[in-house]
C-alpha atoms as a PDB file:
ATOM      1  CA  MET A   1     -11.319  -9.014  93.470  1.00  0.00           C
ATOM      2  CA  SER A   2     -14.882 -10.294  93.874  1.00  0.00           C
ATOM      3  CA  PRO A   3     -15.376 -14.076  94.004  1.00  0.00           C
ATOM      4  CA  SER A   4     -17.029 -15.621  90.979  1.00  0.00           C
ATOM      5  CA  PHE A   5     -18.801 -18.822  90.059  1.00  0.00           C
ATOM      6  CA  ARG A   6     -17.515 -21.304  87.523  1.00  0.00           C
ATOM      7  CA  GLU A   7     -20.622 -23.240  86.515  1.00  0.00           C
ATOM      8  CA  LEU A   8     -23.914 -24.767  87.566  1.00  0.00           C
ATOM      9  CA  ARG A   9     -22.960 -28.266  88.786  1.00  0.00           C
ATOM     10  CA  TYR A  10     -25.972 -30.151  90.120  1.00  0.00           C
ATOM     11  CA  ILE A  11     -29.441 -30.171  91.544  1.00  0.00           C
ATOM     12  CA  ARG A  12     -30.463 -32.248  94.552  1.00  0.00           C
ATOM     13  CA  ARG A  13     -34.067 -33.270  95.063  1.00  0.00           C
ATOM     14  CA  THR A  14     -35.502 -34.555  98.319  1.00  0.00           C
ATOM     15  CA  VAL A  15     -37.747 -37.488  97.418  1.00  0.00           C
ATOM     16  CA  GLY A  16     -40.071 -39.773  99.341  1.00  0.00           C
ATOM     17  CA  ASP A  17     -39.709 -42.803  97.083  1.00  0.00           C
ATOM     18  CA  LEU A  18     -36.117 -43.164  95.927  1.00  0.00           C
ATOM     19  CA  ALA A  19     -36.813 -46.168  93.706  1.00  0.00           C
ATOM     20  CA  LEU A  20     -39.697 -44.482  91.871  1.00  0.00           C
ATOM     21  CA  ALA A  21     -37.785 -41.240  91.259  1.00  0.00           C
ATOM     22  CA  SER A  22     -34.701 -43.188  90.150  1.00  0.00           C
ATOM     23  CA  ARG A  23     -36.622 -45.267  87.623  1.00  0.00           C
ATOM     24  CA  PHE A  24     -38.014 -42.146  85.991  1.00  0.00           C
ATOM     25  CA  ALA A  25     -34.612 -40.428  85.868  1.00  0.00           C
ATOM     26  CA  GLU A  26     -32.939 -43.429  84.263  1.00  0.00           C
ATOM     27  CA  GLU A  27     -35.522 -45.409  82.315  1.00  0.00           C
ATOM     28  CA  VAL A  28     -37.753 -42.569  81.128  1.00  0.00           C
ATOM     29  CA  PHE A  29     -35.628 -39.424  81.004  1.00  0.00           C
ATOM     30  CA  GLY A  30     -32.428 -41.241  80.077  1.00  0.00           C
ATOM     31  CA  LEU A  31     -29.914 -40.045  82.665  1.00  0.00           C
ATOM     32  CA  MET A  32     -27.053 -42.424  83.439  1.00  0.00           C
ATOM     33  CA  PRO A  33     -27.029 -43.926  86.955  1.00  0.00           C
ATOM     34  CA  GLU A  34     -23.604 -43.428  88.513  1.00  0.00           C
ATOM     35  CA  ASP A  35     -23.783 -44.334  92.206  1.00  0.00           C
ATOM     36  CA  ARG A  36     -26.431 -45.298  94.748  1.00  0.00           C
ATOM     37  CA  SER A  37     -26.845 -45.897  98.472  1.00  0.00           C
ATOM     38  CA  ASP A  38     -29.865 -46.597 100.653  1.00  0.00           C
ATOM     39  CA  THR A  39     -30.587 -42.864 100.856  1.00  0.00           C
ATOM     40  CA  GLU A  40     -29.202 -41.317  97.649  1.00  0.00           C
ATOM     41  CA  ALA A  41     -28.913 -41.907  93.911  1.00  0.00           C
ATOM     42  CA  LEU A  42     -26.643 -39.998  91.526  1.00  0.00           C
ATOM     43  CA  PHE A  43     -27.198 -39.538  87.788  1.00  0.00           C
ATOM     44  CA  ARG A  44     -24.960 -38.258  84.994  1.00  0.00           C
ATOM     45  CA  SER A  45     -25.769 -36.233  81.909  1.00  0.00           C
ATOM     46  CA  ASP A  46     -22.233 -35.380  80.728  1.00  0.00           C
ATOM     47  CA  SER A  47     -18.616 -35.497  81.918  1.00  0.00           C
ATOM     48  CA  ARG A  48     -19.312 -34.442  85.503  1.00  0.00           C
ATOM     49  CA  PHE A  49     -19.798 -37.315  87.952  1.00  0.00           C
ATOM     50  CA  TYR A  50     -23.413 -36.282  88.512  1.00  0.00           C
ATOM     51  CA  SER A  51     -25.854 -33.492  87.706  1.00  0.00           C
ATOM     52  CA  LEU A  52     -28.841 -34.948  89.584  1.00  0.00           C
ATOM     53  CA  CYS A  53     -28.855 -36.246  93.141  1.00  0.00           C
ATOM     54  CA  LEU A  54     -31.994 -37.833  94.567  1.00  0.00           C
ATOM     55  CA  SER A  55     -31.955 -38.001  98.363  1.00  0.00           C
ATOM     56  CA  THR A  56     -34.312 -39.129 101.096  1.00  0.00           C
ATOM     57  CA  GLU A  57     -32.314 -37.244 103.746  1.00  0.00           C
ATOM     58  CA  LEU A  58     -30.522 -34.153 102.465  1.00  0.00           C
ATOM     59  CA  PRO A  59     -32.391 -30.889 101.762  1.00  0.00           C
ATOM     60  CA  PRO A  60     -33.105 -29.673  98.204  1.00  0.00           C
ATOM     61  CA  ALA A  61     -30.121 -27.823  96.780  1.00  0.00           C
ATOM     62  CA  ILE A  62     -28.503 -26.195  93.783  1.00  0.00           C
ATOM     63  CA  GLY A  63     -24.761 -26.797  93.464  1.00  0.00           C
ATOM     64  CA  VAL A  64     -22.571 -24.126  91.875  1.00  0.00           C
ATOM     65  CA  SER A  65     -18.799 -24.403  91.609  1.00  0.00           C
ATOM     66  CA  VAL A  66     -15.874 -22.024  92.094  1.00  0.00           C
ATOM     67  CA  ASP A  67     -12.353 -22.232  90.682  1.00  0.00           C
ATOM     68  CA  VAL A  68     -10.315 -21.503  93.805  1.00  0.00           C
ATOM     69  CA  GLU A  69     -10.706 -22.294  97.499  1.00  0.00           C
ATOM     70  CA  ALA A  70     -10.331 -18.641  98.474  1.00  0.00           C
ATOM     71  CA  ASP A  71     -13.659 -17.913  96.787  1.00  0.00           C
ATOM     72  CA  LEU A  72     -15.414 -20.120  99.350  1.00  0.00           C
ATOM     73  CA  ARG A  73     -14.272 -17.875 102.200  1.00  0.00           C
ATOM     74  CA  ALA A  74     -15.142 -14.744 100.221  1.00  0.00           C
ATOM     75  CA  PHE A  75     -18.660 -16.031  99.515  1.00  0.00           C
ATOM     76  CA  ALA A  76     -19.040 -17.163 103.140  1.00  0.00           C
ATOM     77  CA  ASP A  77     -18.162 -13.658 104.326  1.00  0.00           C
ATOM     78  CA  ARG A  78     -20.534 -12.088 101.826  1.00  0.00           C
ATOM     79  CA  PHE A  79     -23.500 -14.211 102.905  1.00  0.00           C
ATOM     80  CA  SER A  80     -22.712 -13.805 106.610  1.00  0.00           C
ATOM     81  CA  GLU A  81     -22.565 -10.032 106.246  1.00  0.00           C
ATOM     82  CA  ALA A  82     -25.982 -10.153 104.535  1.00  0.00           C
ATOM     83  CA  GLY A  83     -27.432 -12.022 107.530  1.00  0.00           C
ATOM     84  CA  HIS A  84     -27.463 -15.573 106.139  1.00  0.00           C
ATOM     85  CA  TYR A  85     -26.214 -18.546 108.152  1.00  0.00           C
ATOM     86  CA  VAL A  86     -23.364 -20.362 106.406  1.00  0.00           C
ATOM     87  CA  THR A  87     -22.636 -24.070 106.897  1.00  0.00           C
ATOM     88  CA  TRP A  88     -19.215 -25.387 105.891  1.00  0.00           C
ATOM     89  CA  LEU A  89     -19.230 -28.643 103.913  1.00  0.00           C
ATOM     90  CA  GLU A  90     -16.157 -30.556 105.038  1.00  0.00           C
ATOM     91  CA  GLY A  91     -15.221 -34.113 105.935  1.00  0.00           C
ATOM     92  CA  ASP A  92     -18.137 -36.515 105.542  1.00  0.00           C
ATOM     93  CA  ALA A  93     -20.442 -33.741 104.259  1.00  0.00           C
ATOM     94  CA  ALA A  94     -17.974 -32.950 101.457  1.00  0.00           C
ATOM     95  CA  ALA A  95     -17.321 -36.606 100.651  1.00  0.00           C
ATOM     96  CA  ARG A  96     -21.047 -37.239 100.395  1.00  0.00           C
ATOM     97  CA  ARG A  97     -21.280 -34.533  97.735  1.00  0.00           C
ATOM     98  CA  LEU A  98     -18.082 -35.659  95.957  1.00  0.00           C
ATOM     99  CA  ILE A  99     -16.337 -32.343  96.522  1.00  0.00           C
ATOM    100  CA  LYS A 100     -13.193 -31.276  98.366  1.00  0.00           C
ATOM    101  CA  ARG A 101     -14.860 -28.473 100.319  1.00  0.00           C
ATOM    102  CA  GLY A 102     -17.864 -26.174 100.118  1.00  0.00           C
ATOM    103  CA  ILE A 103     -20.425 -24.020 101.874  1.00  0.00           C
ATOM    104  CA  ALA A 104     -24.216 -24.186 102.056  1.00  0.00           C
ATOM    105  CA  ILE A 105     -26.703 -21.357 102.545  1.00  0.00           C
ATOM    106  CA  ALA A 106     -30.497 -21.632 102.704  1.00  0.00           C
ATOM    107  CA  ALA A 107     -32.385 -19.323 100.322  1.00  0.00           C
ATOM    108  CA  PRO A 108     -35.647 -17.749 101.547  1.00  0.00           C
ATOM    109  CA  ASP A 109     -37.646 -20.385  99.629  1.00  0.00           C
ATOM    110  CA  GLY A 110     -35.918 -23.202 101.538  1.00  0.00           C
ATOM    111  CA  VAL A 111     -33.697 -24.423  98.702  1.00  0.00           C
ATOM    112  CA  HIS A 112     -30.016 -24.518  99.637  1.00  0.00           C
ATOM    113  CA  LEU A 113     -27.282 -22.942  97.570  1.00  0.00           C
ATOM    114  CA  GLU A 114     -24.192 -25.163  97.800  1.00  0.00           C
ATOM    115  CA  ILE A 115     -21.010 -23.494  96.607  1.00  0.00           C
ATOM    116  CA  VAL A 116     -18.451 -26.223  95.930  1.00  0.00           C
ATOM    117  CA  TRP A 117     -14.747 -26.521  95.126  1.00  0.00           C
ATOM    118  CA  ARG A 118     -12.876 -29.412  93.469  1.00  0.00           C
ATOM    119  CA  HIS A 119     -15.967 -31.283  92.398  1.00  0.00           C
ATOM    120  CA  MET A 120     -15.706 -34.788  90.981  1.00  0.00           C
ATOM    121  CA  GLU A 121     -15.458 -35.374  87.228  1.00  0.00           C
ATOM    122  CA  SER A 122     -15.859 -38.763  85.549  1.00  0.00           C
ATOM    123  CA  GLY A 123     -13.156 -40.415  83.490  1.00  0.00           C
ATOM    124  CA  SER A 124     -15.609 -42.383  81.367  1.00  0.00           C
ATOM    125  CA  PRO A 125     -18.014 -41.067  78.709  1.00  0.00           C
ATOM    126  CA  TYR A 126     -21.688 -40.527  79.435  1.00  0.00           C
ATOM    127  CA  HIS A 127     -24.025 -43.122  77.967  1.00  0.00           C
ATOM    128  CA  GLY A 128     -27.705 -43.430  78.760  1.00  0.00           C
ATOM    129  CA  CYS A 129     -30.215 -46.184  78.146  1.00  0.00           C
ATOM    130  CA  ARG A 130     -31.038 -44.724  74.703  1.00  0.00           C
ATOM    131  CA  ASP A 131     -29.989 -41.963  72.315  1.00  0.00           C
ATOM    132  CA  THR A 132     -31.346 -38.990  74.238  1.00  0.00           C
ATOM    133  CA  GLY A 133     -28.774 -36.509  72.906  1.00  0.00           C
ATOM    134  CA  LEU A 134     -28.105 -35.293  76.454  1.00  0.00           C
ATOM    135  CA  ASP A 135     -24.865 -33.322  76.661  1.00  0.00           C
ATOM    136  CA  GLY A 136     -25.167 -30.968  79.628  1.00  0.00           C
ATOM    137  CA  PHE A 137     -27.022 -29.609  82.629  1.00  0.00           C
ATOM    138  CA  SER A 138     -28.573 -26.292  81.752  1.00  0.00           C
ATOM    139  CA  ALA A 139     -30.813 -24.658  84.383  1.00  0.00           C
ATOM    140  CA  VAL A 140     -32.952 -24.969  87.501  1.00  0.00           C
ATOM    141  CA  GLN A 141     -36.506 -23.667  87.887  1.00  0.00           C
ATOM    142  CA  LEU A 142     -37.628 -22.356  91.280  1.00  0.00           C
ATOM    143  CA  ALA A 143     -41.101 -21.537  92.612  1.00  0.00           C
ATOM    144  CA  SER A 144     -41.330 -18.584  95.000  1.00  0.00           C
ATOM    145  CA  THR A 145     -44.047 -17.090  97.199  1.00  0.00           C
ATOM    146  CA  ASP A 146     -41.845 -14.018  97.771  1.00  0.00           C
ATOM    147  CA  ILE A 147     -40.220 -13.231  94.464  1.00  0.00           C
ATOM    148  CA  ASP A 148     -38.498 -10.073  95.720  1.00  0.00           C
ATOM    149  CA  ALA A 149     -36.826 -11.812  98.679  1.00  0.00           C
ATOM    150  CA  ASP A 150     -35.657 -14.734  96.565  1.00  0.00           C
ATOM    151  CA  SER A 151     -34.476 -12.465  93.773  1.00  0.00           C
ATOM    152  CA  ALA A 152     -32.464 -10.424  96.295  1.00  0.00           C
ATOM    153  CA  PHE A 153     -30.822 -13.618  97.582  1.00  0.00           C
ATOM    154  CA  TRP A 154     -29.796 -14.904  94.161  1.00  0.00           C
ATOM    155  CA  SER A 155     -28.906 -11.610  92.496  1.00  0.00           C
ATOM    156  CA  ASP A 156     -27.952  -9.078  95.175  1.00  0.00           C
ATOM    157  CA  VAL A 157     -26.071 -11.473  97.487  1.00  0.00           C
ATOM    158  CA  ALA A 158     -25.060 -14.530  95.417  1.00  0.00           C
ATOM    159  CA  GLY A 159     -24.214 -12.340  92.434  1.00  0.00           C
ATOM    160  CA  PHE A 160     -26.236 -13.908  89.615  1.00  0.00           C
ATOM    161  CA  ASP A 161     -27.154 -11.355  86.936  1.00  0.00           C
ATOM    162  CA  ILE A 162     -30.777 -10.871  85.893  1.00  0.00           C
ATOM    163  CA  SER A 163     -30.958 -11.525  82.155  1.00  0.00           C
ATOM    164  CA  ASP A 164     -34.706 -11.021  81.576  1.00  0.00           C
ATOM    165  CA  TYR A 165     -38.099 -10.527  83.249  1.00  0.00           C
ATOM    166  CA  VAL A 166     -41.377 -12.203  82.297  1.00  0.00           C
ATOM    167  CA  GLY A 167     -43.938 -10.373  84.371  1.00  0.00           C
ATOM    168  CA  GLU A 168     -42.358 -10.712  87.822  1.00  0.00           C
ATOM    169  CA  ALA A 169     -40.494 -13.921  86.927  1.00  0.00           C
ATOM    170  CA  ARG A 170     -36.724 -13.478  86.846  1.00  0.00           C
ATOM    171  CA  PHE A 171     -34.137 -15.269  84.739  1.00  0.00           C
ATOM    172  CA  LEU A 172     -30.703 -15.297  86.373  1.00  0.00           C
ATOM    173  CA  THR A 173     -27.379 -16.079  84.732  1.00  0.00           C
ATOM    174  CA  LEU A 174     -23.779 -16.820  85.660  1.00  0.00           C
ATOM    175  CA  GLY A 175     -22.817 -15.693  82.162  1.00  0.00           C
ATOM    176  CA  GLY A 176     -22.267 -17.587  78.937  1.00  0.00           C
ATOM    177  CA  GLN A 177     -25.893 -18.585  78.442  1.00  0.00           C
ATOM    178  CA  HIS A 178     -29.202 -16.816  78.906  1.00  0.00           C
ATOM    179  CA  HIS A 179     -29.953 -18.202  82.374  1.00  0.00           C
ATOM    180  CA  HIS A 180     -29.032 -20.839  84.902  1.00  0.00           C
ATOM    181  CA  ILE A 181     -31.907 -20.194  87.326  1.00  0.00           C
ATOM    182  CA  ALA A 182     -35.488 -19.304  86.428  1.00  0.00           C
ATOM    183  CA  LEU A 183     -37.429 -17.877  89.379  1.00  0.00           C
ATOM    184  CA  TYR A 184     -41.227 -17.963  89.074  1.00  0.00           C
ATOM    185  CA  PRO A 185     -43.873 -16.331  91.303  1.00  0.00           C
ATOM    186  CA  SER A 186     -45.977 -19.125  92.750  1.00  0.00           C
ATOM    187  CA  LYS A 187     -48.263 -20.190  95.571  1.00  0.00           C
ATOM    188  CA  ARG A 188     -45.577 -22.615  96.743  1.00  0.00           C
ATOM    189  CA  ASN A 189     -41.852 -22.546  97.415  1.00  0.00           C
ATOM    190  CA  GLY A 190     -38.968 -24.725  96.329  1.00  0.00           C
ATOM    191  CA  LEU A 191     -37.697 -26.680  93.360  1.00  0.00           C
ATOM    192  CA  LEU A 192     -40.086 -26.578  90.417  1.00  0.00           C
ATOM    193  CA  GLY A 193     -38.003 -28.273  87.736  1.00  0.00           C
ATOM    194  CA  ALA A 194     -34.677 -28.608  85.956  1.00  0.00           C
ATOM    195  CA  VAL A 195     -33.481 -28.359  82.351  1.00  0.00           C
ATOM    196  CA  TRP A 196     -30.967 -30.654  80.657  1.00  0.00           C
ATOM    197  CA  GLN A 197     -29.357 -29.692  77.361  1.00  0.00           C
ATOM    198  CA  VAL A 198     -29.561 -31.907  74.276  1.00  0.00           C
ATOM    199  CA  GLU A 199     -27.569 -31.718  71.059  1.00  0.00           C
ATOM    200  CA  SER A 200     -30.285 -30.687  68.612  1.00  0.00           C
ATOM    201  CA  LEU A 201     -33.919 -29.985  67.807  1.00  0.00           C
ATOM    202  CA  ASP A 202     -34.057 -33.523  66.442  1.00  0.00           C
ATOM    203  CA  HIS A 203     -33.303 -34.869  69.930  1.00  0.00           C
ATOM    204  CA  VAL A 204     -35.995 -32.693  71.499  1.00  0.00           C
ATOM    205  CA  MET A 205     -38.540 -34.161  69.101  1.00  0.00           C
ATOM    206  CA  ARG A 206     -37.296 -37.735  69.538  1.00  0.00           C
ATOM    207  CA  ASN A 207     -37.572 -37.441  73.292  1.00  0.00           C
ATOM    208  CA  TRP A 208     -41.055 -35.939  72.974  1.00  0.00           C
ATOM    209  CA  HIS A 209     -42.178 -38.999  71.040  1.00  0.00           C
ATOM    210  CA  VAL A 210     -40.634 -41.296  73.656  1.00  0.00           C
ATOM    211  CA  LEU A 211     -42.509 -39.447  76.409  1.00  0.00           C
ATOM    212  CA  LEU A 212     -45.763 -39.692  74.467  1.00  0.00           C
ATOM    213  CA  GLY A 213     -45.204 -43.399  73.886  1.00  0.00           C
ATOM    214  CA  ARG A 214     -44.720 -43.964  77.597  1.00  0.00           C
ATOM    215  CA  GLN A 215     -47.807 -41.840  78.410  1.00  0.00           C
ATOM    216  CA  VAL A 216     -45.737 -39.403  80.470  1.00  0.00           C
ATOM    217  CA  PRO A 217     -47.596 -36.114  81.135  1.00  0.00           C
ATOM    218  CA  ILE A 218     -46.268 -33.337  78.883  1.00  0.00           C
ATOM    219  CA  VAL A 219     -46.386 -30.088  80.821  1.00  0.00           C
ATOM    220  CA  HIS A 220     -45.134 -27.745  78.116  1.00  0.00           C
ATOM    221  CA  GLY A 221     -43.911 -27.980  74.545  1.00  0.00           C
ATOM    222  CA  PRO A 222     -42.526 -28.782  72.180  1.00  0.00           C
ATOM    223  CA  GLY A 223     -41.918 -25.084  71.973  1.00  0.00           C
ATOM    224  CA  ARG A 224     -39.357 -22.294  71.876  1.00  0.00           C
ATOM    225  CA  GLN A 225     -38.610 -20.044  74.815  1.00  0.00           C
ATOM    226  CA  PRO A 226     -38.725 -16.405  73.646  1.00  0.00           C
ATOM    227  CA  THR A 227     -36.230 -15.286  76.304  1.00  0.00           C
ATOM    228  CA  SER A 228     -33.437 -17.854  75.820  1.00  0.00           C
ATOM    229  CA  GLY A 229     -34.225 -19.047  72.302  1.00  0.00           C
ATOM    230  CA  ALA A 230     -34.001 -22.688  73.438  1.00  0.00           C
ATOM    231  CA  ILE A 231     -36.363 -25.266  71.927  1.00  0.00           C
ATOM    232  CA  PHE A 232     -37.760 -27.489  74.650  1.00  0.00           C
ATOM    233  CA  VAL A 233     -40.207 -30.110  75.850  1.00  0.00           C
ATOM    234  CA  THR A 234     -41.099 -30.544  79.521  1.00  0.00           C
ATOM    235  CA  ALA A 235     -42.376 -33.665  81.300  1.00  0.00           C
ATOM    236  CA  ARG A 236     -43.842 -34.167  84.767  1.00  0.00           C
ATOM    237  CA  THR A 237     -42.412 -36.906  86.984  1.00  0.00           C
ATOM    238  CA  PRO A 238     -44.680 -39.139  89.103  1.00  0.00           C
ATOM    239  CA  ASP A 239     -43.791 -37.012  92.159  1.00  0.00           C
ATOM    240  CA  ASP A 240     -44.648 -33.700  90.442  1.00  0.00           C
ATOM    241  CA  PHE A 241     -41.235 -32.432  89.391  1.00  0.00           C
ATOM    242  CA  LEU A 242     -40.626 -30.928  85.936  1.00  0.00           C
ATOM    243  CA  MET A 243     -37.814 -32.330  83.788  1.00  0.00           C
ATOM    244  CA  THR A 244     -37.013 -30.609  80.500  1.00  0.00           C
ATOM    245  CA  TYR A 245     -34.986 -31.418  77.392  1.00  0.00           C
ATOM    246  CA  ALA A 246     -33.794 -28.230  75.652  1.00  0.00           C
ATOM    247  CA  THR A 247     -31.395 -27.124  72.964  1.00  0.00           C
ATOM    248  CA  GLN A 248     -28.565 -24.744  73.776  1.00  0.00           C
ATOM    249  CA  MET A 249     -29.633 -21.318  75.014  1.00  0.00           C
ATOM    250  CA  GLY A 250     -28.535 -18.075  73.474  1.00  0.00           C
ATOM    251  CA  ALA A 251     -26.395 -15.576  75.371  1.00  0.00           C
ATOM    252  CA  PRO A 252     -27.807 -12.840  77.638  1.00  0.00           C
ATOM    253  CA  MET A 253     -28.556  -9.555  75.910  1.00  0.00           C
ATOM    254  CA  ALA A 254     -25.488  -7.332  75.951  1.00  0.00           C
ATOM    255  CA  ASP A 255     -27.524  -4.214  76.770  1.00  0.00           C
ATOM    256  CA  GLY A 256     -29.244  -5.646  79.850  1.00  0.00           C
ATOM    257  CA  PRO A 257     -32.461  -7.466  80.795  1.00  0.00           C
ATOM    258  CA  ARG A 258     -35.676  -7.127  78.822  1.00  0.00           C
ATOM    259  CA  GLN A 259     -39.236  -7.012  80.155  1.00  0.00           C
ATOM    260  CA  PHE A 260     -41.685  -9.518  78.636  1.00  0.00           C
ATOM    261  CA  ALA A 261     -45.431  -9.512  79.243  1.00  0.00           C
ATOM    262  CA  ASP A 262     -46.836 -11.793  81.944  1.00  0.00           C
ATOM    263  CA  ALA A 263     -48.572 -13.949  79.359  1.00  0.00           C
ATOM    264  CA  PRO A 264     -48.365 -17.529  78.037  1.00  0.00           C
ATOM    265  CA  GLY A 265     -46.712 -16.326  74.819  1.00  0.00           C
ATOM    266  CA  SER A 266     -43.747 -15.054  76.819  1.00  0.00           C
ATOM    267  CA  HIS A 267     -43.027 -18.619  77.913  1.00  0.00           C
ATOM    268  CA  CYS A 268     -43.494 -20.249  74.497  1.00  0.00           C
ATOM    269  CA  ALA A 269     -43.221 -18.476  71.160  1.00  0.00           C
ATOM    270  CA  TRP A 270     -44.802 -21.464  69.394  1.00  0.00           C
ATOM    271  CA  GLY A 271     -48.002 -21.191  71.409  1.00  0.00           C
ATOM    272  CA  SER A 272     -47.662 -24.522  73.203  1.00  0.00           C
ATOM    273  CA  PRO A 273     -50.326 -24.587  75.947  1.00  0.00           C
ATOM    274  CA  SER A 274     -49.503 -25.479  79.546  1.00  0.00           C
ATOM    275  CA  ASP A 275     -51.544 -26.298  82.634  1.00  0.00           C
ATOM    276  CA  GLN A 276     -48.627 -25.279  84.845  1.00  0.00           C
ATOM    277  CA  THR A 277     -49.781 -22.110  86.607  1.00  0.00           C
ATOM    278  CA  GLU A 278     -46.299 -20.582  86.687  1.00  0.00           C
ATOM    279  CA  PHE A 279     -46.232 -20.593  82.861  1.00  0.00           C
ATOM    280  CA  LYS A 280     -49.748 -19.283  82.258  1.00  0.00           C
ATOM    281  CA  GLY A 281     -49.515 -15.551  82.788  1.00  0.00           C
ATOM    282  CA  ALA A 282     -51.238 -12.899  84.892  1.00  0.00           C
ATOM    283  CA  GLU A 283     -54.822 -13.812  84.023  1.00  0.00           C
ATOM    284  CA  PHE A 284     -54.385 -17.243  85.617  1.00  0.00           C
ATOM    285  CA  LYS A 285     -52.749 -16.144  88.876  1.00  0.00           C
ATOM    286  CA  GLY A 286     -55.953 -16.838  90.786  1.00  0.00           C
ATOM    287  CA  GLU A 287     -55.691 -20.572  90.081  1.00  0.00           C
ATOM    288  CA  ALA A 288     -54.035 -23.037  92.419  1.00  0.00           C
ATOM    289  CA  ALA A 289     -50.349 -23.552  91.752  1.00  0.00           C
END
């Protein structure tokens, strides 16, 4: 039986200024600080112990969980056979991530996939600094200079399913919701942004007004994503990372992925403009990313 993933667990960003990035995550975006050291800060959005890790030392990563330990070995064998170097996360490396055991593999774009087992949950309810409506961690956005190589890593080897295409952008799912990873052609590589789920459209709009009041750059939205159906608003952090509030996504299409035009309207059905090159469409591909 093929190994399978359980859920998207966390994103880890490598940051230069831990204090600056932490203030935005907590005081502006509304995530709940859970633990902090001199080199790392963890933030909650729901019942898991953390969904965002900010680190000055560890590489950027996407954490995905499995149900049983045997799946770690099966995934390790799969990646090794495909020519990818596998690092086992045990001892101090596992404790640092608040897991029992795991493996890490570097994707072609430099972001690490960390497959983890027995990840830490929290026994206390999530509560942020204000009523954000946050109730989950939804998706990660990746920028790629070689969309075919990165797509092969995430879909052909890791086993994510492609749910839709927008131009050459790929939306990849573990099942249950439209996507967990959005992979965008770009002139740079690495983490582009992340999406946190909120309870309702009302919370999207409330958070938009908070961002406006704090003069935070709005990158995209409020709008509705034609592919997933989620209503969203996206902000830019001081260190150029995208953080999005979004309502629950719809499910992947039962009859397979669709092809959307490489155009701004394929990224927002409401026509919300964006200066982010990855969301602009084919006619803007000559601009700097």
